[in-house]
Amino acid sequence: MAVAEFHHDAPDKLRHACALVAQWHAAGRRVWIHCDNDALAARLDQMLWVFEPLAFIPHVRDGHPLSDATPVRIGRDPASAPADAVLLNMAHDVPAGFEQRAHIVEIVSQDPADREAARTRFVRYRQGGFDMQTRKAEA
Protein backbone atom coordinates (compact mmCIF):
# COMPACT_ATOMS: atom_id res chain seq x y z
CA MET A 1 0.00 0.00 0.00
CA ALA A 2 1.22 3.50 -0.80
CA VAL A 3 2.31 5.63 2.14
CA ALA A 4 1.89 9.37 2.73
CA GLU A 5 4.04 10.42 5.66
CA PHE A 6 3.55 13.83 7.31
CA HIS A 7 6.25 15.35 9.52
CA HIS A 8 4.47 18.11 11.43
CA ASP A 9 5.58 21.12 13.52
CA ALA A 10 8.90 21.52 11.74
CA PRO A 11 10.65 24.64 13.03
CA ASP A 12 12.65 24.84 9.77
CA LYS A 13 11.16 22.96 6.79
CA LEU A 14 14.25 23.21 4.61
CA ARG A 15 16.63 22.00 7.29
CA HIS A 16 14.29 19.11 8.11
CA ALA A 17 14.09 18.27 4.40
CA CYS A 18 17.90 18.15 4.18
CA ALA A 19 18.12 15.90 7.24
CA LEU A 20 15.55 13.48 5.79
CA VAL A 21 17.30 13.42 2.41
CA ALA A 22 20.61 12.68 4.16
CA GLN A 23 19.01 9.74 6.00
CA TRP A 24 17.44 8.34 2.85
CA HIS A 25 20.65 8.74 0.88
CA ALA A 26 22.62 6.95 3.62
CA ALA A 27 20.07 4.12 3.42
CA GLY A 28 20.56 3.85 -0.36
CA ARG A 29 17.20 5.34 -1.33
CA ARG A 30 16.59 7.47 -4.40
CA VAL A 31 14.85 10.79 -3.72
CA TRP A 32 12.83 13.22 -5.78
CA ILE A 33 12.35 16.65 -4.15
CA HIS A 34 9.28 18.20 -5.72
CA CYS A 35 9.29 22.02 -5.76
CA ASP A 36 6.68 24.24 -7.32
CA ASN A 37 9.05 27.12 -8.09
CA ASP A 38 12.65 27.67 -9.12
CA ALA A 39 13.51 29.84 -6.11
CA LEU A 40 12.65 27.04 -3.68
CA ALA A 41 14.52 24.50 -5.81
CA ALA A 42 17.59 26.76 -5.80
CA ARG A 43 17.43 27.20 -2.00
CA LEU A 44 17.21 23.45 -1.44
CA ASP A 45 20.01 22.83 -3.92
CA GLN A 46 22.25 25.24 -2.02
CA MET A 47 21.26 23.91 1.42
CA LEU A 48 22.07 20.33 0.46
CA TRP A 49 25.66 21.47 -0.18
CA VAL A 50 26.14 23.27 3.15
CA PHE A 51 23.69 22.03 5.80
CA GLU A 52 26.22 19.56 7.26
CA PRO A 53 29.87 20.52 6.80
CA LEU A 54 31.18 16.96 6.40
CA ALA A 55 28.20 15.45 4.59
CA PHE A 56 28.01 14.93 0.85
CA ILE A 57 24.66 14.24 -0.73
CA PRO A 58 25.01 13.85 -4.51
CA HIS A 59 22.15 15.79 -6.02
CA VAL A 60 21.23 17.71 -9.16
CA ARG A 61 18.40 19.78 -10.48
CA ASP A 62 16.23 17.91 -12.95
CA GLY A 63 17.40 18.29 -16.52
CA HIS A 64 21.06 18.11 -15.57
CA PRO A 65 23.07 15.73 -17.82
CA LEU A 66 23.75 13.47 -14.80
CA SER A 67 20.12 13.33 -13.62
CA ASP A 68 19.63 9.66 -14.40
CA ALA A 69 22.77 8.66 -12.49
CA THR A 70 22.23 10.89 -9.44
CA PRO A 71 20.34 9.51 -6.42
CA VAL A 72 18.80 12.83 -5.32
CA ARG A 73 17.04 15.07 -7.79
CA ILE A 74 15.23 18.37 -7.38
CA GLY A 75 12.55 19.33 -9.87
CA ARG A 76 9.13 20.59 -10.80
CA ASP A 77 7.79 17.71 -12.93
CA PRO A 78 7.13 14.63 -10.79
CA ALA A 79 6.55 12.60 -13.97
CA SER A 80 10.35 12.81 -14.38
CA ALA A 81 10.92 11.20 -10.97
CA PRO A 82 12.24 7.64 -10.86
CA ALA A 83 9.44 5.23 -10.00
CA ASP A 84 11.30 3.89 -6.96
CA ALA A 85 12.16 7.30 -5.49
CA VAL A 86 10.78 8.71 -2.27
CA LEU A 87 8.87 11.82 -3.31
CA LEU A 88 9.48 14.67 -0.89
CA ASN A 89 6.77 17.20 -1.67
CA MET A 90 7.88 20.75 -0.88
CA ALA A 91 5.13 22.27 -3.06
CA HIS A 92 1.93 23.89 -1.86
CA ASP A 93 -0.30 21.37 -3.68
CA VAL A 94 -0.19 17.61 -4.15
CA PRO A 95 2.12 16.67 -7.03
CA ALA A 96 0.57 15.65 -10.33
CA GLY A 97 0.34 11.88 -10.64
CA PHE A 98 0.68 11.34 -6.90
CA GLU A 99 -1.56 8.29 -7.21
CA GLN A 100 1.29 6.36 -8.85
CA ARG A 101 3.80 7.04 -6.06
CA ALA A 102 4.59 4.44 -3.40
CA HIS A 103 6.03 6.82 -0.78
CA ILE A 104 5.31 10.53 -0.42
CA VAL A 105 6.66 12.64 2.42
CA GLU A 106 5.32 16.03 3.45
CA ILE A 107 6.91 18.47 5.90
CA VAL A 108 4.56 20.82 7.72
CA SER A 109 5.84 23.91 9.49
CA GLN A 110 4.34 25.68 12.49
CA ASP A 111 2.88 28.38 10.22
CA PRO A 112 -0.98 28.35 10.26
CA ALA A 113 -1.25 28.80 6.46
CA ASP A 114 1.17 25.94 5.86
CA ARG A 115 -0.76 23.73 8.27
CA GLU A 116 -4.03 24.46 6.51
CA ALA A 117 -2.56 23.63 3.10
CA ALA A 118 -1.16 20.40 4.57
CA ARG A 119 -4.59 19.42 5.85
CA THR A 120 -5.94 19.72 2.32
CA ARG A 121 -3.11 17.53 0.98
CA PHE A 122 -3.68 15.02 3.80
CA VAL A 123 -7.32 14.63 2.78
CA ARG A 124 -6.37 14.18 -0.91
CA TYR A 125 -3.87 11.43 -0.08
CA ARG A 126 -6.31 9.68 2.24
CA GLN A 127 -9.01 9.82 -0.45
CA GLY A 128 -6.43 8.34 -2.83
CA GLY A 129 -6.12 5.26 -0.62
CA PHE A 130 -2.75 6.03 0.95
CA ASP A 131 -1.72 4.63 4.31
CA MET A 132 -1.46 7.83 6.34
CA GLN A 133 1.39 8.26 8.80
CA THR A 134 2.19 11.26 10.98
CA ARG A 135 5.16 12.08 13.16
CA LYS A 136 6.52 15.11 14.90
CA ALA A 137 9.44 16.68 13.07
CA GLU A 138 12.67 16.64 14.98
CA ALA A 139 14.20 20.01 15.77
C-alpha atoms as a PDB file:
ATOM      1  CA  MET A   1       0.000   0.000   0.000  1.00  0.00           C
ATOM      2  CA  ALA A   2       1.215   3.497  -0.803  1.00  0.00           C
ATOM      3  CA  VAL A   3       2.306   5.631   2.140  1.00  0.00           C
ATOM      4  CA  ALA A   4       1.891   9.365   2.730  1.00  0.00           C
ATOM      5  CA  GLU A   5       4.043  10.424   5.655  1.00  0.00           C
ATOM      6  CA  PHE A   6       3.548  13.828   7.311  1.00  0.00           C
ATOM      7  CA  HIS A   7       6.247  15.353   9.516  1.00  0.00           C
ATOM      8  CA  HIS A   8       4.467  18.109  11.433  1.00  0.00           C
ATOM      9  CA  ASP A   9       5.576  21.117  13.521  1.00  0.00           C
ATOM     10  CA  ALA A  10       8.904  21.515  11.739  1.00  0.00           C
ATOM     11  CA  PRO A  11      10.652  24.639  13.028  1.00  0.00           C
ATOM     12  CA  ASP A  12      12.650  24.835   9.770  1.00  0.00           C
ATOM     13  CA  LYS A  13      11.161  22.959   6.794  1.00  0.00           C
ATOM     14  CA  LEU A  14      14.248  23.208   4.605  1.00  0.00           C
ATOM     15  CA  ARG A  15      16.631  21.996   7.289  1.00  0.00           C
ATOM     16  CA  HIS A  16      14.290  19.108   8.113  1.00  0.00           C
ATOM     17  CA  ALA A  17      14.090  18.267   4.405  1.00  0.00           C
ATOM     18  CA  CYS A  18      17.896  18.148   4.180  1.00  0.00           C
ATOM     19  CA  ALA A  19      18.116  15.896   7.244  1.00  0.00           C
ATOM     20  CA  LEU A  20      15.549  13.479   5.786  1.00  0.00           C
ATOM     21  CA  VAL A  21      17.300  13.421   2.413  1.00  0.00           C
ATOM     22  CA  ALA A  22      20.613  12.682   4.160  1.00  0.00           C
ATOM     23  CA  GLN A  23      19.009   9.742   6.002  1.00  0.00           C
ATOM     24  CA  TRP A  24      17.439   8.341   2.847  1.00  0.00           C
ATOM     25  CA  HIS A  25      20.645   8.743   0.882  1.00  0.00           C
ATOM     26  CA  ALA A  26      22.618   6.948   3.622  1.00  0.00           C
ATOM     27  CA  ALA A  27      20.073   4.119   3.420  1.00  0.00           C
ATOM     28  CA  GLY A  28      20.564   3.846  -0.361  1.00  0.00           C
ATOM     29  CA  ARG A  29      17.197   5.341  -1.329  1.00  0.00           C
ATOM     30  CA  ARG A  30      16.591   7.469  -4.399  1.00  0.00           C
ATOM     31  CA  VAL A  31      14.847  10.786  -3.716  1.00  0.00           C
ATOM     32  CA  TRP A  32      12.832  13.224  -5.780  1.00  0.00           C
ATOM     33  CA  ILE A  33      12.349  16.645  -4.148  1.00  0.00           C
ATOM     34  CA  HIS A  34       9.282  18.202  -5.715  1.00  0.00           C
ATOM     35  CA  CYS A  35       9.294  22.017  -5.760  1.00  0.00           C
ATOM     36  CA  ASP A  36       6.681  24.244  -7.323  1.00  0.00           C
ATOM     37  CA  ASN A  37       9.051  27.121  -8.088  1.00  0.00           C
ATOM     38  CA  ASP A  38      12.652  27.672  -9.120  1.00  0.00           C
ATOM     39  CA  ALA A  39      13.506  29.845  -6.107  1.00  0.00           C
ATOM     40  CA  LEU A  40      12.646  27.042  -3.677  1.00  0.00           C
ATOM     41  CA  ALA A  41      14.520  24.505  -5.809  1.00  0.00           C
ATOM     42  CA  ALA A  42      17.590  26.756  -5.802  1.00  0.00           C
ATOM     43  CA  ARG A  43      17.428  27.202  -2.003  1.00  0.00           C
ATOM     44  CA  LEU A  44      17.206  23.449  -1.443  1.00  0.00           C
ATOM     45  CA  ASP A  45      20.005  22.831  -3.916  1.00  0.00           C
ATOM     46  CA  GLN A  46      22.247  25.244  -2.018  1.00  0.00           C
ATOM     47  CA  MET A  47      21.258  23.908   1.419  1.00  0.00           C
ATOM     48  CA  LEU A  48      22.074  20.327   0.457  1.00  0.00           C
ATOM     49  CA  TRP A  49      25.660  21.474  -0.175  1.00  0.00           C
ATOM     50  CA  VAL A  50      26.135  23.269   3.149  1.00  0.00           C
ATOM     51  CA  PHE A  51      23.694  22.030   5.796  1.00  0.00           C
ATOM     52  CA  GLU A  52      26.220  19.556   7.263  1.00  0.00           C
ATOM     53  CA  PRO A  53      29.868  20.521   6.796  1.00  0.00           C
ATOM     54  CA  LEU A  54      31.179  16.957   6.396  1.00  0.00           C
ATOM     55  CA  ALA A  55      28.203  15.451   4.586  1.00  0.00           C
ATOM     56  CA  PHE A  56      28.015  14.926   0.851  1.00  0.00           C
ATOM     57  CA  ILE A  57      24.662  14.242  -0.732  1.00  0.00           C
ATOM     58  CA  PRO A  58      25.012  13.849  -4.507  1.00  0.00           C
ATOM     59  CA  HIS A  59      22.147  15.786  -6.025  1.00  0.00           C
ATOM     60  CA  VAL A  60      21.233  17.706  -9.155  1.00  0.00           C
ATOM     61  CA  ARG A  61      18.398  19.777 -10.479  1.00  0.00           C
ATOM     62  CA  ASP A  62      16.233  17.910 -12.953  1.00  0.00           C
ATOM     63  CA  GLY A  63      17.399  18.292 -16.517  1.00  0.00           C
ATOM     64  CA  HIS A  64      21.063  18.114 -15.569  1.00  0.00           C
ATOM     65  CA  PRO A  65      23.067  15.731 -17.818  1.00  0.00           C
ATOM     66  CA  LEU A  66      23.749  13.474 -14.801  1.00  0.00           C
ATOM     67  CA  SER A  67      20.120  13.331 -13.622  1.00  0.00           C
ATOM     68  CA  ASP A  68      19.634   9.662 -14.401  1.00  0.00           C
ATOM     69  CA  ALA A  69      22.773   8.662 -12.493  1.00  0.00           C
ATOM     70  CA  THR A  70      22.227  10.887  -9.441  1.00  0.00           C
ATOM     71  CA  PRO A  71      20.337   9.510  -6.418  1.00  0.00           C
ATOM     72  CA  VAL A  72      18.798  12.828  -5.317  1.00  0.00           C
ATOM     73  CA  ARG A  73      17.036  15.073  -7.793  1.00  0.00           C
ATOM     74  CA  ILE A  74      15.226  18.369  -7.382  1.00  0.00           C
ATOM     75  CA  GLY A  75      12.550  19.329  -9.872  1.00  0.00           C
ATOM     76  CA  ARG A  76       9.125  20.587 -10.804  1.00  0.00           C
ATOM     77  CA  ASP A  77       7.786  17.711 -12.927  1.00  0.00           C
ATOM     78  CA  PRO A  78       7.127  14.626 -10.794  1.00  0.00           C
ATOM     79  CA  ALA A  79       6.548  12.598 -13.973  1.00  0.00           C
ATOM     80  CA  SER A  80      10.353  12.809 -14.381  1.00  0.00           C
ATOM     81  CA  ALA A  81      10.921  11.202 -10.970  1.00  0.00           C
ATOM     82  CA  PRO A  82      12.244   7.640 -10.858  1.00  0.00           C
ATOM     83  CA  ALA A  83       9.437   5.226 -10.003  1.00  0.00           C
ATOM     84  CA  ASP A  84      11.301   3.889  -6.964  1.00  0.00           C
ATOM     85  CA  ALA A  85      12.161   7.298  -5.494  1.00  0.00           C
ATOM     86  CA  VAL A  86      10.779   8.705  -2.274  1.00  0.00           C
ATOM     87  CA  LEU A  87       8.871  11.815  -3.314  1.00  0.00           C
ATOM     88  CA  LEU A  88       9.478  14.671  -0.887  1.00  0.00           C
ATOM     89  CA  ASN A  89       6.770  17.203  -1.665  1.00  0.00           C
ATOM     90  CA  MET A  90       7.876  20.752  -0.878  1.00  0.00           C
ATOM     91  CA  ALA A  91       5.134  22.273  -3.056  1.00  0.00           C
ATOM     92  CA  HIS A  92       1.926  23.889  -1.861  1.00  0.00           C
ATOM     93  CA  ASP A  93      -0.304  21.369  -3.675  1.00  0.00           C
ATOM     94  CA  VAL A  94      -0.187  17.609  -4.148  1.00  0.00           C
ATOM     95  CA  PRO A  95       2.121  16.667  -7.027  1.00  0.00           C
ATOM     96  CA  ALA A  96       0.570  15.648 -10.330  1.00  0.00           C
ATOM     97  CA  GLY A  97       0.342  11.878 -10.644  1.00  0.00           C
ATOM     98  CA  PHE A  98       0.677  11.341  -6.902  1.00  0.00           C
ATOM     99  CA  GLU A  99      -1.562   8.293  -7.212  1.00  0.00           C
ATOM    100  CA  GLN A 100       1.291   6.356  -8.849  1.00  0.00           C
ATOM    101  CA  ARG A 101       3.799   7.040  -6.059  1.00  0.00           C
ATOM    102  CA  ALA A 102       4.588   4.443  -3.395  1.00  0.00           C
ATOM    103  CA  HIS A 103       6.028   6.817  -0.784  1.00  0.00           C
ATOM    104  CA  ILE A 104       5.309  10.534  -0.418  1.00  0.00           C
ATOM    105  CA  VAL A 105       6.662  12.643   2.417  1.00  0.00           C
ATOM    106  CA  GLU A 106       5.320  16.033   3.454  1.00  0.00           C
ATOM    107  CA  ILE A 107       6.915  18.465   5.904  1.00  0.00           C
ATOM    108  CA  VAL A 108       4.564  20.820   7.722  1.00  0.00           C
ATOM    109  CA  SER A 109       5.842  23.906   9.495  1.00  0.00           C
ATOM    110  CA  GLN A 110       4.335  25.683  12.488  1.00  0.00           C
ATOM    111  CA  ASP A 111       2.876  28.384  10.223  1.00  0.00           C
ATOM    112  CA  PRO A 112      -0.977  28.348  10.257  1.00  0.00           C
ATOM    113  CA  ALA A 113      -1.255  28.797   6.461  1.00  0.00           C
ATOM    114  CA  ASP A 114       1.171  25.937   5.856  1.00  0.00           C
ATOM    115  CA  ARG A 115      -0.757  23.730   8.275  1.00  0.00           C
ATOM    116  CA  GLU A 116      -4.035  24.462   6.506  1.00  0.00           C
ATOM    117  CA  ALA A 117      -2.564  23.629   3.099  1.00  0.00           C
ATOM    118  CA  ALA A 118      -1.157  20.404   4.566  1.00  0.00           C
ATOM    119  CA  ARG A 119      -4.594  19.422   5.855  1.00  0.00           C
ATOM    120  CA  THR A 120      -5.945  19.717   2.316  1.00  0.00           C
ATOM    121  CA  ARG A 121      -3.111  17.532   0.976  1.00  0.00           C
ATOM    122  CA  PHE A 122      -3.676  15.024   3.800  1.00  0.00           C
ATOM    123  CA  VAL A 123      -7.325  14.626   2.779  1.00  0.00           C
ATOM    124  CA  ARG A 124      -6.371  14.179  -0.907  1.00  0.00           C
ATOM    125  CA  TYR A 125      -3.870  11.430  -0.080  1.00  0.00           C
ATOM    126  CA  ARG A 126      -6.314   9.683   2.243  1.00  0.00           C
ATOM    127  CA  GLN A 127      -9.011   9.816  -0.446  1.00  0.00           C
ATOM    128  CA  GLY A 128      -6.427   8.339  -2.834  1.00  0.00           C
ATOM    129  CA  GLY A 129      -6.117   5.257  -0.623  1.00  0.00           C
ATOM    130  CA  PHE A 130      -2.750   6.033   0.946  1.00  0.00           C
ATOM    131  CA  ASP A 131      -1.723   4.628   4.307  1.00  0.00           C
ATOM    132  CA  MET A 132      -1.464   7.834   6.343  1.00  0.00           C
ATOM    133  CA  GLN A 133       1.390   8.259   8.804  1.00  0.00           C
ATOM    134  CA  THR A 134       2.193  11.264  10.977  1.00  0.00           C
ATOM    135  CA  ARG A 135       5.158  12.079  13.157  1.00  0.00           C
ATOM    136  CA  LYS A 136       6.518  15.109  14.900  1.00  0.00           C
ATOM    137  CA  ALA A 137       9.435  16.681  13.066  1.00  0.00           C
ATOM    138  CA  GLU A 138      12.675  16.644  14.985  1.00  0.00           C
ATOM    139  CA  ALA A 139      14.195  20.013  15.774  1.00  0.00           C
END
